[in-house]
Amino acid sequence: MLLYTVMTQDGLLSAEQRDFIAAERVRIHTTINGVPANFVHSIFLTYPRGHAYVVANRSPVASILGIIRAGRAPEQKTRLVRAL
């Protein structure tokens, strides 16, 4: 199983954008790793506007955390990260 967690400022991504991102992750991961689509999990979390900072300035920070299980070849991990 692969778990992707995306964190963005509230209201940054629409439902359609989240749907597209999740579908693309499934396409990329199943193509590169050859696993069933139900192995790919995506969670979208949000935080309130004004609650993220870059240096000391408020900024709409976005992050993606992907957890890849041990045992994947470094080349395979590199292809996956570049595709994402």
N, C-alpha and C. Protein backbone atom coordinates (compact mmCIF):
# COMPACT_ATOMS: atom_id res chain seq x y z
N MET A 1 0.84 -1.17 0.00
CA MET A 1 0.00 0.00 0.00
C MET A 1 0.88 1.24 0.00
N LEU A 2 0.46 2.22 -0.73
CA LEU A 2 1.14 3.51 -0.75
C LEU A 2 0.17 4.54 -0.21
N LEU A 3 0.65 5.40 0.68
CA LEU A 3 -0.20 6.44 1.26
C LEU A 3 0.39 7.79 0.92
N TYR A 4 -0.40 8.61 0.24
CA TYR A 4 -0.04 9.99 -0.04
C TYR A 4 -0.89 10.89 0.84
N THR A 5 -0.24 11.83 1.51
CA THR A 5 -0.94 12.83 2.29
C THR A 5 -0.59 14.19 1.70
N VAL A 6 -1.63 14.95 1.36
CA VAL A 6 -1.45 16.29 0.82
C VAL A 6 -2.01 17.27 1.84
N MET A 7 -1.22 18.30 2.15
CA MET A 7 -1.71 19.31 3.08
C MET A 7 -1.63 20.66 2.38
N THR A 8 -2.77 21.37 2.37
CA THR A 8 -2.85 22.68 1.74
C THR A 8 -3.68 23.62 2.59
N GLN A 9 -3.56 24.88 2.28
CA GLN A 9 -4.41 25.88 2.91
C GLN A 9 -5.86 25.62 2.52
N ASP A 10 -6.76 25.81 3.45
CA ASP A 10 -8.18 25.60 3.19
C ASP A 10 -8.63 26.40 1.98
N GLY A 11 -9.34 25.74 1.07
CA GLY A 11 -9.88 26.40 -0.11
C GLY A 11 -8.93 26.46 -1.30
N LEU A 12 -7.69 25.98 -1.14
CA LEU A 12 -6.72 26.05 -2.24
C LEU A 12 -7.08 25.11 -3.38
N LEU A 13 -7.51 23.89 -3.06
CA LEU A 13 -7.86 22.91 -4.08
C LEU A 13 -9.37 22.67 -4.11
N SER A 14 -9.93 22.65 -5.30
CA SER A 14 -11.35 22.32 -5.45
C SER A 14 -11.52 20.80 -5.39
N ALA A 15 -12.74 20.34 -5.27
CA ALA A 15 -13.02 18.90 -5.28
C ALA A 15 -12.55 18.28 -6.60
N GLU A 16 -12.73 18.99 -7.69
CA GLU A 16 -12.31 18.49 -9.01
C GLU A 16 -10.78 18.37 -9.08
N GLN A 17 -10.09 19.32 -8.52
CA GLN A 17 -8.62 19.25 -8.51
C GLN A 17 -8.13 18.10 -7.64
N ARG A 18 -8.76 17.88 -6.50
CA ARG A 18 -8.39 16.74 -5.65
C ARG A 18 -8.65 15.43 -6.38
N ASP A 19 -9.80 15.33 -7.06
CA ASP A 19 -10.12 14.13 -7.84
C ASP A 19 -9.05 13.86 -8.90
N PHE A 20 -8.65 14.91 -9.61
CA PHE A 20 -7.64 14.78 -10.67
C PHE A 20 -6.30 14.34 -10.10
N ILE A 21 -5.88 14.99 -9.01
CA ILE A 21 -4.59 14.64 -8.38
C ILE A 21 -4.60 13.19 -7.91
N ALA A 22 -5.67 12.76 -7.26
CA ALA A 22 -5.76 11.38 -6.78
C ALA A 22 -5.73 10.39 -7.95
N ALA A 23 -6.45 10.69 -9.02
CA ALA A 23 -6.49 9.80 -10.19
C ALA A 23 -5.12 9.72 -10.85
N GLU A 24 -4.43 10.85 -10.94
CA GLU A 24 -3.09 10.85 -11.55
C GLU A 24 -2.11 10.04 -10.70
N ARG A 25 -2.23 10.14 -9.39
CA ARG A 25 -1.36 9.34 -8.52
C ARG A 25 -1.58 7.85 -8.76
N VAL A 26 -2.84 7.47 -8.89
CA VAL A 26 -3.15 6.06 -9.16
C VAL A 26 -2.54 5.65 -10.50
N ARG A 27 -2.73 6.46 -11.53
CA ARG A 27 -2.19 6.13 -12.85
C ARG A 27 -0.67 6.00 -12.81
N ILE A 28 -0.01 6.97 -12.21
CA ILE A 28 1.45 6.96 -12.14
C ILE A 28 1.95 5.77 -11.34
N HIS A 29 1.39 5.57 -10.18
CA HIS A 29 1.88 4.50 -9.29
C HIS A 29 1.64 3.11 -9.88
N THR A 30 0.46 2.90 -10.46
CA THR A 30 0.19 1.57 -11.03
C THR A 30 1.04 1.31 -12.27
N THR A 31 1.31 2.35 -13.04
CA THR A 31 2.15 2.21 -14.24
C THR A 31 3.59 1.88 -13.87
N ILE A 32 4.14 2.61 -12.92
CA ILE A 32 5.55 2.43 -12.56
C ILE A 32 5.77 1.19 -11.71
N ASN A 33 4.89 0.94 -10.75
CA ASN A 33 5.10 -0.17 -9.82
C ASN A 33 4.30 -1.43 -10.16
N GLY A 34 3.37 -1.31 -11.10
CA GLY A 34 2.61 -2.49 -11.51
C GLY A 34 1.76 -3.10 -10.41
N VAL A 35 1.19 -2.25 -9.56
CA VAL A 35 0.36 -2.74 -8.46
C VAL A 35 -1.10 -2.41 -8.74
N PRO A 36 -2.03 -3.09 -8.07
CA PRO A 36 -3.45 -2.77 -8.23
C PRO A 36 -3.77 -1.35 -7.76
N ALA A 37 -4.76 -0.73 -8.39
CA ALA A 37 -5.14 0.63 -8.06
C ALA A 37 -5.54 0.79 -6.60
N ASN A 38 -6.13 -0.25 -6.02
CA ASN A 38 -6.59 -0.11 -4.63
C ASN A 38 -5.43 -0.11 -3.62
N PHE A 39 -4.20 -0.22 -4.10
CA PHE A 39 -3.03 -0.09 -3.23
C PHE A 39 -2.68 1.39 -3.00
N VAL A 40 -3.24 2.29 -3.80
CA VAL A 40 -2.87 3.70 -3.75
C VAL A 40 -3.93 4.48 -2.95
N HIS A 41 -3.51 5.05 -1.84
CA HIS A 41 -4.41 5.80 -0.97
C HIS A 41 -3.97 7.26 -0.95
N SER A 42 -4.93 8.18 -1.02
CA SER A 42 -4.65 9.62 -0.94
C SER A 42 -5.53 10.26 0.11
N ILE A 43 -4.92 11.10 0.93
CA ILE A 43 -5.65 11.85 1.95
C ILE A 43 -5.32 13.33 1.75
N PHE A 44 -6.35 14.17 1.70
CA PHE A 44 -6.17 15.60 1.55
C PHE A 44 -6.56 16.28 2.86
N LEU A 45 -5.59 16.92 3.49
CA LEU A 45 -5.82 17.64 4.74
C LEU A 45 -5.68 19.13 4.48
N THR A 46 -6.40 19.94 5.26
CA THR A 46 -6.29 21.39 5.11
C THR A 46 -6.01 22.04 6.46
N TYR A 47 -5.47 23.24 6.37
CA TYR A 47 -5.26 24.05 7.57
C TYR A 47 -5.86 25.43 7.30
N PRO A 48 -6.21 26.18 8.34
CA PRO A 48 -6.84 27.49 8.15
C PRO A 48 -5.91 28.49 7.46
N ARG A 49 -6.50 29.39 6.69
CA ARG A 49 -5.71 30.47 6.06
C ARG A 49 -4.95 31.23 7.14
N GLY A 50 -3.74 31.61 6.81
CA GLY A 50 -2.93 32.39 7.74
C GLY A 50 -2.21 31.57 8.79
N HIS A 51 -2.24 30.24 8.69
CA HIS A 51 -1.61 29.39 9.69
C HIS A 51 -0.34 28.70 9.20
N ALA A 52 0.19 29.12 8.05
CA ALA A 52 1.46 28.57 7.55
C ALA A 52 2.40 29.73 7.26
N TYR A 53 3.67 29.47 7.46
CA TYR A 53 4.67 30.51 7.30
C TYR A 53 5.87 30.00 6.50
N VAL A 54 6.46 30.91 5.72
CA VAL A 54 7.76 30.70 5.12
C VAL A 54 8.63 31.81 5.70
N VAL A 55 9.70 31.42 6.34
CA VAL A 55 10.51 32.29 7.16
C VAL A 55 9.57 32.85 8.24
N ALA A 56 9.29 34.14 8.26
CA ALA A 56 8.38 34.69 9.25
C ALA A 56 7.17 35.34 8.59
N ASN A 57 6.92 34.94 7.35
CA ASN A 57 5.83 35.53 6.59
C ASN A 57 4.74 34.50 6.32
N ARG A 58 3.50 34.91 6.48
CA ARG A 58 2.39 34.01 6.16
C ARG A 58 2.46 33.64 4.69
N SER A 59 2.25 32.37 4.41
CA SER A 59 2.35 31.89 3.03
C SER A 59 1.49 30.64 2.88
N PRO A 60 0.79 30.49 1.75
CA PRO A 60 -0.02 29.28 1.54
C PRO A 60 0.85 28.08 1.17
N VAL A 61 1.47 27.48 2.16
CA VAL A 61 2.35 26.35 1.96
C VAL A 61 1.55 25.11 1.58
N ALA A 62 2.06 24.36 0.62
CA ALA A 62 1.45 23.07 0.23
C ALA A 62 2.52 22.01 0.35
N SER A 63 2.14 20.82 0.80
CA SER A 63 3.10 19.73 0.92
C SER A 63 2.47 18.41 0.52
N ILE A 64 3.32 17.53 0.01
CA ILE A 64 2.92 16.16 -0.32
C ILE A 64 3.88 15.23 0.39
N LEU A 65 3.34 14.31 1.13
CA LEU A 65 4.14 13.30 1.81
C LEU A 65 3.74 11.95 1.22
N GLY A 66 4.69 11.24 0.66
CA GLY A 66 4.44 9.91 0.11
C GLY A 66 5.27 8.89 0.84
N ILE A 67 4.67 7.83 1.29
CA ILE A 67 5.38 6.77 1.99
C ILE A 67 5.46 5.56 1.07
N ILE A 68 6.67 5.19 0.72
CA ILE A 68 6.92 4.06 -0.16
C ILE A 68 7.53 2.94 0.69
N ARG A 69 6.98 1.77 0.56
CA ARG A 69 7.47 0.66 1.38
C ARG A 69 8.90 0.29 1.01
N ALA A 70 9.58 -0.33 1.93
CA ALA A 70 10.95 -0.79 1.68
C ALA A 70 10.93 -1.87 0.60
N GLY A 71 12.04 -1.99 -0.09
CA GLY A 71 12.17 -3.04 -1.08
C GLY A 71 12.08 -2.56 -2.52
N ARG A 72 11.69 -1.32 -2.74
CA ARG A 72 11.65 -0.78 -4.10
C ARG A 72 13.06 -0.36 -4.48
N ALA A 73 13.43 -0.62 -5.73
CA ALA A 73 14.75 -0.25 -6.22
C ALA A 73 14.87 1.27 -6.27
N PRO A 74 16.06 1.82 -6.02
CA PRO A 74 16.24 3.27 -6.07
C PRO A 74 15.79 3.88 -7.41
N GLU A 75 16.04 3.18 -8.51
CA GLU A 75 15.64 3.69 -9.82
C GLU A 75 14.12 3.79 -9.92
N GLN A 76 13.43 2.83 -9.34
CA GLN A 76 11.96 2.82 -9.35
C GLN A 76 11.43 3.99 -8.52
N LYS A 77 12.02 4.23 -7.38
CA LYS A 77 11.62 5.36 -6.53
C LYS A 77 11.87 6.68 -7.26
N THR A 78 12.99 6.79 -7.92
CA THR A 78 13.31 8.01 -8.66
C THR A 78 12.29 8.27 -9.76
N ARG A 79 11.93 7.24 -10.52
CA ARG A 79 10.92 7.40 -11.57
C ARG A 79 9.59 7.85 -10.98
N LEU A 80 9.22 7.27 -9.87
CA LEU A 80 7.95 7.62 -9.23
C LEU A 80 7.94 9.08 -8.79
N VAL A 81 8.99 9.51 -8.11
CA VAL A 81 9.05 10.88 -7.62
C VAL A 81 9.07 11.87 -8.78
N ARG A 82 9.81 11.59 -9.81
CA ARG A 82 9.86 12.50 -10.97
C ARG A 82 8.50 12.59 -11.67
N ALA A 83 7.79 11.49 -11.74
CA ALA A 83 6.48 11.48 -12.41
C ALA A 83 5.44 12.26 -11.61
N LEU A 84 5.58 12.23 -10.31
CA LEU A 84 4.61 12.93 -9.46
C LEU A 84 4.79 14.42 -9.56
